[in-house]
């Protein structure tokens, strides 16, 4: 597989995994409640995504950096809403 095809796989994975958070963010904003969301899970996940972002920066991987930068913003949004709304 060529390097450009490998990059395409990386970008496709990045888009799919990152976009998967959008429905949760929209749901929390629309319903203004986050009772069914685990704060511990989102705190751990947010920390993990922050580390993946750092990893992407350290290895100079644009797909890893972009995907985890956006995922960090989305996960942090859900976590913030969970902490505020309970």
PDB file of N, CA and C in Angstrom:
ATOM      1  N   UNK A   1       0.857  -1.170   0.000  1.00  0.00           N
ATOM      2  CA  UNK A   1       0.000   0.000   0.000  1.00  0.00           C
ATOM      3  C   UNK A   1       0.901   1.230   0.000  1.00  0.00           C
ATOM      4  N   UNK A   2       0.581   2.180  -0.834  1.00  0.00           N
ATOM      5  CA  UNK A   2       1.410   3.379  -0.932  1.00  0.00           C
ATOM      6  C   UNK A   2       1.193   4.287   0.270  1.00  0.00           C
ATOM      7  N   UNK A   3       2.140   5.190   0.476  1.00  0.00           N
ATOM      8  CA  UNK A   3       2.066   6.126   1.606  1.00  0.00           C
ATOM      9  C   UNK A   3       0.818   6.995   1.514  1.00  0.00           C
ATOM     10  N   UNK A   4       0.441   7.407   0.308  1.00  0.00           N
ATOM     11  CA  UNK A   4      -0.755   8.247   0.175  1.00  0.00           C
ATOM     12  C   UNK A   4      -2.020   7.464   0.505  1.00  0.00           C
ATOM     13  N   UNK A   5      -2.075   6.180   0.164  1.00  0.00           N
ATOM     14  CA  UNK A   5      -3.229   5.349   0.520  1.00  0.00           C
ATOM     15  C   UNK A   5      -3.306   5.145   2.031  1.00  0.00           C
ATOM     16  N   UNK A   6      -2.159   5.008   2.666  1.00  0.00           N
ATOM     17  CA  UNK A   6      -2.121   4.873   4.115  1.00  0.00           C
ATOM     18  C   UNK A   6      -2.654   6.148   4.774  1.00  0.00           C
ATOM     19  N   UNK A   7      -2.286   7.301   4.244  1.00  0.00           N
ATOM     20  CA  UNK A   7      -2.793   8.575   4.764  1.00  0.00           C
ATOM     21  C   UNK A   7      -4.311   8.657   4.607  1.00  0.00           C
ATOM     22  N   UNK A   8      -4.839   8.176   3.481  1.00  0.00           N
ATOM     23  CA  UNK A   8      -6.283   8.180   3.252  1.00  0.00           C
ATOM     24  C   UNK A   8      -6.982   7.338   4.317  1.00  0.00           C
ATOM     25  N   UNK A   9      -6.420   6.183   4.622  1.00  0.00           N
ATOM     26  CA  UNK A   9      -6.983   5.330   5.677  1.00  0.00           C
ATOM     27  C   UNK A   9      -6.971   6.085   7.005  1.00  0.00           C
ATOM     28  N   UNK A  10      -5.875   6.754   7.302  1.00  0.00           N
ATOM     29  CA  UNK A  10      -5.779   7.528   8.541  1.00  0.00           C
ATOM     30  C   UNK A  10      -6.812   8.632   8.603  1.00  0.00           C
ATOM     31  N   UNK A  11      -6.972   9.374   7.530  1.00  0.00           N
ATOM     32  CA  UNK A  11      -7.966  10.450   7.512  1.00  0.00           C
ATOM     33  C   UNK A  11      -9.384   9.899   7.615  1.00  0.00           C
ATOM     34  N   UNK A  12      -9.664   8.785   6.936  1.00  0.00           N
ATOM     35  CA  UNK A  12     -11.001   8.186   7.013  1.00  0.00           C
ATOM     36  C   UNK A  12     -11.303   7.740   8.440  1.00  0.00           C
ATOM     37  N   UNK A  13     -10.353   7.086   9.081  1.00  0.00           N
ATOM     38  CA  UNK A  13     -10.537   6.668  10.469  1.00  0.00           C
ATOM     39  C   UNK A  13     -10.732   7.877  11.370  1.00  0.00           C
ATOM     40  N   UNK A  14      -9.958   8.921  11.137  1.00  0.00           N
ATOM     41  CA  UNK A  14     -10.055  10.143  11.937  1.00  0.00           C
ATOM     42  C   UNK A  14     -11.438  10.774  11.814  1.00  0.00           C
ATOM     43  N   UNK A  15     -11.943  10.865  10.601  1.00  0.00           N
ATOM     44  CA  UNK A  15     -13.252  11.479  10.383  1.00  0.00           C
ATOM     45  C   UNK A  15     -14.348  10.658  11.055  1.00  0.00           C
ATOM     46  N   UNK A  16     -14.340   9.354  10.851  1.00  0.00           N
ATOM     47  CA  UNK A  16     -15.401   8.514  11.405  1.00  0.00           C
ATOM     48  C   UNK A  16     -15.404   8.509  12.929  1.00  0.00           C
ATOM     49  N   UNK A  17     -14.243   8.347  13.541  1.00  0.00           N
ATOM     50  CA  UNK A  17     -14.217   8.296  15.001  1.00  0.00           C
ATOM     51  C   UNK A  17     -14.524   9.648  15.621  1.00  0.00           C
ATOM     52  N   UNK A  18     -14.132  10.711  14.971  1.00  0.00           N
ATOM     53  CA  UNK A  18     -14.390  12.048  15.505  1.00  0.00           C
ATOM     54  C   UNK A  18     -15.851  12.433  15.339  1.00  0.00           C
ATOM     55  N   UNK A  19     -16.412  12.184  14.178  1.00  0.00           N
ATOM     56  CA  UNK A  19     -17.804  12.531  13.904  1.00  0.00           C
ATOM     57  C   UNK A  19     -18.751  11.736  14.803  1.00  0.00           C
ATOM     58  N   UNK A  20     -18.309  10.588  15.299  1.00  0.00           N
ATOM     59  CA  UNK A  20     -19.173   9.774  16.153  1.00  0.00           C
ATOM     60  C   UNK A  20     -19.563  10.504  17.443  1.00  0.00           C
ATOM     61  N   UNK A  21     -18.825  11.525  17.840  1.00  0.00           N
ATOM     62  CA  UNK A  21     -19.146  12.283  19.048  1.00  0.00           C
ATOM     63  C   UNK A  21     -20.218  13.348  18.819  1.00  0.00           C
ATOM     64  N   UNK A  22     -20.405  13.746  17.602  1.00  0.00           N
ATOM     65  CA  UNK A  22     -21.336  14.840  17.313  1.00  0.00           C
ATOM     66  C   UNK A  22     -22.757  14.536  17.792  1.00  0.00           C
ATOM     67  N   UNK A  23     -23.318  13.354  17.550  1.00  0.00           N
ATOM     68  CA  UNK A  23     -24.677  13.098  18.043  1.00  0.00           C
ATOM     69  C   UNK A  23     -24.816  13.241  19.562  1.00  0.00           C
ATOM     70  N   UNK A  24     -23.800  12.839  20.309  1.00  0.00           N
ATOM     71  CA  UNK A  24     -23.860  12.965  21.766  1.00  0.00           C
ATOM     72  C   UNK A  24     -23.843  14.426  22.192  1.00  0.00           C
ATOM     73  N   UNK A  25     -22.992  15.206  21.561  1.00  0.00           N
ATOM     74  CA  UNK A  25     -22.922  16.639  21.876  1.00  0.00           C
ATOM     75  C   UNK A  25     -24.254  17.309  21.552  1.00  0.00           C
ATOM     76  N   UNK A  26     -24.804  17.007  20.385  1.00  0.00           N
ATOM     77  CA  UNK A  26     -26.085  17.596  19.979  1.00  0.00           C
ATOM     78  C   UNK A  26     -27.189  17.188  20.949  1.00  0.00           C
ATOM     79  N   UNK A  27     -27.219  15.911  21.334  1.00  0.00           N
ATOM     80  CA  UNK A  27     -28.246  15.420  22.253  1.00  0.00           C
ATOM     81  C   UNK A  27     -28.179  16.139  23.599  1.00  0.00           C
ATOM     82  N   UNK A  28     -26.991  16.289  24.140  1.00  0.00           N
ATOM     83  CA  UNK A  28     -26.832  16.954  25.435  1.00  0.00           C
ATOM     84  C   UNK A  28     -27.257  18.418  25.335  1.00  0.00           C
ATOM     85  N   UNK A  29     -26.880  19.087  24.271  1.00  0.00           N
ATOM     86  CA  UNK A  29     -27.275  20.485  24.105  1.00  0.00           C
ATOM     87  C   UNK A  29     -28.781  20.638  23.923  1.00  0.00           C
ATOM     88  N   UNK A  30     -29.389  19.767  23.102  1.00  0.00           N
ATOM     89  CA  UNK A  30     -30.827  19.866  22.855  1.00  0.00           C
ATOM     90  C   UNK A  30     -31.649  19.582  24.107  1.00  0.00           C
ATOM     91  N   UNK A  31     -31.287  18.511  24.809  1.00  0.00           N
ATOM     92  CA  UNK A  31     -32.079  18.079  25.959  1.00  0.00           C
ATOM     93  C   UNK A  31     -31.705  18.803  27.247  1.00  0.00           C
ATOM     94  N   UNK A  32     -30.566  19.471  27.244  1.00  0.00           N
ATOM     95  CA  UNK A  32     -30.079  20.186  28.435  1.00  0.00           C
ATOM     96  C   UNK A  32     -30.035  19.288  29.663  1.00  0.00           C
ATOM     97  N   UNK A  33     -29.670  18.028  29.435  1.00  0.00           N
ATOM     98  CA  UNK A  33     -29.477  17.094  30.539  1.00  0.00           C
ATOM     99  C   UNK A  33     -28.464  16.044  30.103  1.00  0.00           C
ATOM    100  N   UNK A  34     -27.729  15.540  31.096  1.00  0.00           N
ATOM    101  CA  UNK A  34     -26.684  14.567  30.812  1.00  0.00           C
ATOM    102  C   UNK A  34     -26.690  13.449  31.852  1.00  0.00           C
ATOM    103  N   UNK A  35     -27.871  13.127  32.343  1.00  0.00           N
ATOM    104  CA  UNK A  35     -27.996  12.143  33.420  1.00  0.00           C
ATOM    105  C   UNK A  35     -27.466  10.770  33.037  1.00  0.00           C
ATOM    106  N   UNK A  36     -27.604  10.374  31.799  1.00  0.00           N
ATOM    107  CA  UNK A  36     -27.188   9.048  31.381  1.00  0.00           C
ATOM    108  C   UNK A  36     -25.724   8.934  30.998  1.00  0.00           C
ATOM    109  N   UNK A  37     -24.973   9.985  31.207  1.00  0.00           N
ATOM    110  CA  UNK A  37     -23.573  10.006  30.802  1.00  0.00           C
ATOM    111  C   UNK A  37     -22.681   9.823  32.027  1.00  0.00           C
ATOM    112  N   UNK A  38     -21.685   8.974  31.899  1.00  0.00           N
ATOM    113  CA  UNK A  38     -20.750   8.732  32.992  1.00  0.00           C
ATOM    114  C   UNK A  38     -19.661   9.804  32.993  1.00  0.00           C
ATOM    115  N   UNK A  39     -19.598  10.574  34.066  1.00  0.00           N
ATOM    116  CA  UNK A  39     -18.575  11.616  34.190  1.00  0.00           C
ATOM    117  C   UNK A  39     -17.183  10.994  34.255  1.00  0.00           C
ATOM    118  N   UNK A  40     -17.056   9.875  34.952  1.00  0.00           N
ATOM    119  CA  UNK A  40     -15.747   9.222  35.066  1.00  0.00           C
ATOM    120  C   UNK A  40     -15.274   8.741  33.692  1.00  0.00           C
ATOM    121  N   UNK A  41     -16.166   8.125  32.931  1.00  0.00           N
ATOM    122  CA  UNK A  41     -15.792   7.647  31.602  1.00  0.00           C
ATOM    123  C   UNK A  41     -15.353   8.810  30.724  1.00  0.00           C
ATOM    124  N   UNK A  42     -16.121   9.898  30.715  1.00  0.00           N
ATOM    125  CA  UNK A  42     -15.766  11.035  29.868  1.00  0.00           C
ATOM    126  C   UNK A  42     -14.503  11.727  30.359  1.00  0.00           C
ATOM    127  N   UNK A  43     -14.253  11.751  31.657  1.00  0.00           N
ATOM    128  CA  UNK A  43     -13.019  12.344  32.177  1.00  0.00           C
ATOM    129  C   UNK A  43     -11.811  11.514  31.725  1.00  0.00           C
ATOM    130  N   UNK A  44     -11.916  10.202  31.861  1.00  0.00           N
ATOM    131  CA  UNK A  44     -10.827   9.332  31.417  1.00  0.00           C
ATOM    132  C   UNK A  44     -10.631   9.414  29.906  1.00  0.00           C
ATOM    133  N   UNK A  45     -11.730   9.416  29.172  1.00  0.00           N
ATOM    134  CA  UNK A  45     -11.640   9.484  27.721  1.00  0.00           C
ATOM    135  C   UNK A  45     -11.026  10.805  27.275  1.00  0.00           C
ATOM    136  N   UNK A  46     -11.454  11.901  27.901  1.00  0.00           N
ATOM    137  CA  UNK A  46     -10.923  13.217  27.545  1.00  0.00           C
ATOM    138  C   UNK A  46      -9.422  13.276  27.810  1.00  0.00           C
ATOM    139  N   UNK A  47      -8.985  12.730  28.926  1.00  0.00           N
ATOM    140  CA  UNK A  47      -7.552  12.691  29.229  1.00  0.00           C
ATOM    141  C   UNK A  47      -6.807  11.836  28.199  1.00  0.00           C
ATOM    142  N   UNK A  48      -7.388  10.704  27.833  1.00  0.00           N
ATOM    143  CA  UNK A  48      -6.777   9.843  26.828  1.00  0.00           C
ATOM    144  C   UNK A  48      -6.665  10.519  25.473  1.00  0.00           C
ATOM    145  N   UNK A  49      -7.717  11.211  25.070  1.00  0.00           N
ATOM    146  CA  UNK A  49      -7.699  11.916  23.791  1.00  0.00           C
ATOM    147  C   UNK A  49      -6.657  13.042  23.822  1.00  0.00           C
ATOM    148  N   UNK A  50      -6.519  13.704  24.958  1.00  0.00           N
ATOM    149  CA  UNK A  50      -5.490  14.742  25.079  1.00  0.00           C
ATOM    150  C   UNK A  50      -4.096  14.134  24.879  1.00  0.00           C
ATOM    151  N   UNK A  51      -3.888  12.949  25.428  1.00  0.00           N
ATOM    152  CA  UNK A  51      -2.601  12.279  25.234  1.00  0.00           C
ATOM    153  C   UNK A  51      -2.401  11.838  23.784  1.00  0.00           C
ATOM    154  N   UNK A  52      -3.466  11.361  23.140  1.00  0.00           N
ATOM    155  CA  UNK A  52      -3.365  11.018  21.717  1.00  0.00           C
ATOM    156  C   UNK A  52      -3.043  12.255  20.884  1.00  0.00           C
ATOM    157  N   UNK A  53      -3.633  13.392  21.245  1.00  0.00           N
ATOM    158  CA  UNK A  53      -3.321  14.638  20.551  1.00  0.00           C
ATOM    159  C   UNK A  53      -1.842  14.969  20.713  1.00  0.00           C
ATOM    160  N   UNK A  54      -1.336  14.875  21.930  1.00  0.00           N
ATOM    161  CA  UNK A  54       0.081  15.125  22.175  1.00  0.00           C
ATOM    162  C   UNK A  54       0.941  14.152  21.365  1.00  0.00           C
ATOM    163  N   UNK A  55       0.558  12.895  21.350  1.00  0.00           N
ATOM    164  CA  UNK A  55       1.278  11.894  20.574  1.00  0.00           C
ATOM    165  C   UNK A  55       1.306  12.275  19.092  1.00  0.00           C
ATOM    166  N   UNK A  56       0.158  12.664  18.549  1.00  0.00           N
ATOM    167  CA  UNK A  56       0.098  13.069  17.150  1.00  0.00           C
ATOM    168  C   UNK A  56       1.015  14.242  16.851  1.00  0.00           C
ATOM    169  N   UNK A  57       1.067  15.185  17.784  1.00  0.00           N
ATOM    170  CA  UNK A  57       1.970  16.324  17.617  1.00  0.00           C
ATOM    171  C   UNK A  57       3.434  15.878  17.657  1.00  0.00           C
ATOM    172  N   UNK A  58       3.752  14.981  18.587  1.00  0.00           N
ATOM    173  CA  UNK A  58       5.137  14.528  18.740  1.00  0.00           C
ATOM    174  C   UNK A  58       5.636  13.723  17.539  1.00  0.00           C
ATOM    175  N   UNK A  59       4.741  12.949  16.910  1.00  0.00           N
ATOM    176  CA  UNK A  59       5.167  12.159  15.752  1.00  0.00           C
ATOM    177  C   UNK A  59       4.866  12.876  14.434  1.00  0.00           C
ATOM    178  N   UNK A  60       4.351  14.082  14.518  1.00  0.00           N
ATOM    179  CA  UNK A  60       4.056  14.904  13.329  1.00  0.00           C
ATOM    180  C   UNK A  60       3.084  14.210  12.388  1.00  0.00           C
ATOM    181  N   UNK A  61       2.002  13.653  12.962  1.00  0.00           N
ATOM    182  CA  UNK A  61       0.987  12.976  12.165  1.00  0.00           C
ATOM    183  C   UNK A  61      -0.258  13.851  12.096  1.00  0.00           C
ATOM    184  N   UNK A  62      -0.515  14.408  10.938  1.00  0.00           N
ATOM    185  CA  UNK A  62      -1.665  15.296  10.784  1.00  0.00           C
ATOM    186  C   UNK A  62      -2.995  14.601  11.048  1.00  0.00           C
ATOM    187  N   UNK A  63      -3.228  13.369  10.527  1.00  0.00           N
ATOM    188  CA  UNK A  63      -4.519  12.724  10.815  1.00  0.00           C
ATOM    189  C   UNK A  63      -4.734  12.498  12.316  1.00  0.00           C
ATOM    190  N   UNK A  64      -3.705  12.043  13.022  1.00  0.00           N
ATOM    191  CA  UNK A  64      -3.828  11.781  14.452  1.00  0.00           C
ATOM    192  C   UNK A  64      -4.052  13.092  15.204  1.00  0.00           C
ATOM    193  N   UNK A  65      -3.316  14.117  14.823  1.00  0.00           N
ATOM    194  CA  UNK A  65      -3.430  15.417  15.493  1.00  0.00           C
ATOM    195  C   UNK A  65      -4.793  16.045  15.264  1.00  0.00           C
ATOM    196  N   UNK A  66      -5.242  16.085  14.025  1.00  0.00           N
ATOM    197  CA  UNK A  66      -6.539  16.707  13.717  1.00  0.00           C
ATOM    198  C   UNK A  66      -7.691  15.959  14.380  1.00  0.00           C
ATOM    199  N   UNK A  67      -7.692  14.644  14.226  1.00  0.00           N
ATOM    200  CA  UNK A  67      -8.797  13.852  14.774  1.00  0.00           C
ATOM    201  C   UNK A  67      -8.884  14.016  16.281  1.00  0.00           C
ATOM    202  N   UNK A  68      -7.772  13.944  16.945  1.00  0.00           N
ATOM    203  CA  UNK A  68      -7.797  14.023  18.402  1.00  0.00           C
ATOM    204  C   UNK A  68      -7.976  15.440  18.906  1.00  0.00           C
ATOM    205  N   UNK A  69      -7.577  16.429  18.132  1.00  0.00           N
ATOM    206  CA  UNK A  69      -7.868  17.816  18.501  1.00  0.00           C
ATOM    207  C   UNK A  69      -9.366  18.088  18.492  1.00  0.00           C
ATOM    208  N   UNK A  70     -10.018  17.641  17.434  1.00  0.00           N
ATOM    209  CA  UNK A  70     -11.471  17.825  17.340  1.00  0.00           C
ATOM    210  C   UNK A  70     -12.180  16.955  18.378  1.00  0.00           C
ATOM    211  N   UNK A  71     -11.754  15.701  18.513  1.00  0.00           N
ATOM    212  CA  UNK A  71     -12.376  14.798  19.496  1.00  0.00           C
ATOM    213  C   UNK A  71     -12.212  15.346  20.909  1.00  0.00           C
ATOM    214  N   UNK A  72     -11.065  15.947  21.197  1.00  0.00           N
ATOM    215  CA  UNK A  72     -10.851  16.538  22.518  1.00  0.00           C
ATOM    216  C   UNK A  72     -11.855  17.657  22.770  1.00  0.00           C
ATOM    217  N   UNK A  73     -12.074  18.495  21.790  1.00  0.00           N
ATOM    218  CA  UNK A  73     -13.062  19.569  21.940  1.00  0.00           C
ATOM    219  C   UNK A  73     -14.464  19.028  22.172  1.00  0.00           C
ATOM    220  N   UNK A  74     -14.850  18.021  21.405  1.00  0.00           N
ATOM    221  CA  UNK A  74     -16.183  17.435  21.551  1.00  0.00           C
ATOM    222  C   UNK A  74     -16.346  16.713  22.888  1.00  0.00           C
ATOM    223  N   UNK A  75     -15.352  15.908  23.258  1.00  0.00           N
ATOM    224  CA  UNK A  75     -15.429  15.171  24.526  1.00  0.00           C
ATOM    225  C   UNK A  75     -15.416  16.128  25.712  1.00  0.00           C
ATOM    226  N   UNK A  76     -14.596  17.158  25.633  1.00  0.00           N
ATOM    227  CA  UNK A  76     -14.547  18.147  26.715  1.00  0.00           C
ATOM    228  C   UNK A  76     -15.868  18.893  26.833  1.00  0.00           C
ATOM    229  N   UNK A  77     -16.534  19.115  25.707  1.00  0.00           N
ATOM    230  CA  UNK A  77     -17.844  19.763  25.728  1.00  0.00           C
ATOM    231  C   UNK A  77     -18.852  18.897  26.461  1.00  0.00           C
ATOM    232  N   UNK A  78     -18.891  17.609  26.137  1.00  0.00           N
ATOM    233  CA  UNK A  78     -19.821  16.703  26.808  1.00  0.00           C
ATOM    234  C   UNK A  78     -19.481  16.611  28.291  1.00  0.00           C
ATOM    235  N   UNK A  79     -18.211  16.497  28.620  1.00  0.00           N
ATOM    236  CA  UNK A  79     -17.804  16.418  30.023  1.00  0.00           C
ATOM    237  C   UNK A  79     -18.193  17.682  30.779  1.00  0.00           C
ATOM    238  N   UNK A  80     -17.984  18.826  30.189  1.00  0.00           N
ATOM    239  CA  UNK A  80     -18.358  20.104  30.819  1.00  0.00           C
ATOM    240  C   UNK A  80     -19.856  20.171  31.051  1.00  0.00           C
ATOM    241  N   UNK A  81     -20.631  19.777  30.048  1.00  0.00           N
ATOM    242  CA  UNK A  81     -22.080  19.784  30.184  1.00  0.00           C
ATOM    243  C   UNK A  81     -22.508  18.804  31.272  1.00  0.00           C
ATOM    244  N   UNK A  82     -21.864  17.649  31.352  1.00  0.00           N
ATOM    245  CA  UNK A  82     -22.199  16.661  32.383  1.00  0.00           C
ATOM    246  C   UNK A  82     -21.928  17.251  33.770  1.00  0.00           C
ATOM    247  N   UNK A  83     -20.796  17.899  33.937  1.00  0.00           N
ATOM    248  CA  UNK A  83     -20.446  18.482  35.226  1.00  0.00           C
ATOM    249  C   UNK A  83     -21.374  19.642  35.620  1.00  0.00           C
ATOM    250  N   UNK A  84     -21.818  20.392  34.619  1.00  0.00           N
ATOM    251  CA  UNK A  84     -22.721  21.527  34.890  1.00  0.00           C
ATOM    252  C   UNK A  84     -24.167  21.097  35.111  1.00  0.00           C
ATOM    253  N   UNK A  85     -24.611  20.139  34.315  1.00  0.00           N
ATOM    254  CA  UNK A  85     -26.016  19.752  34.348  1.00  0.00           C
ATOM    255  C   UNK A  85     -26.294  18.558  35.261  1.00  0.00           C
ATOM    256  N   UNK A  86     -25.274  17.813  35.550  1.00  0.00           N
ATOM    257  CA  UNK A  86     -25.435  16.638  36.431  1.00  0.00           C
ATOM    258  C   UNK A  86     -25.923  15.431  35.771  1.00  0.00           C
TER     259      UNK A  86
END
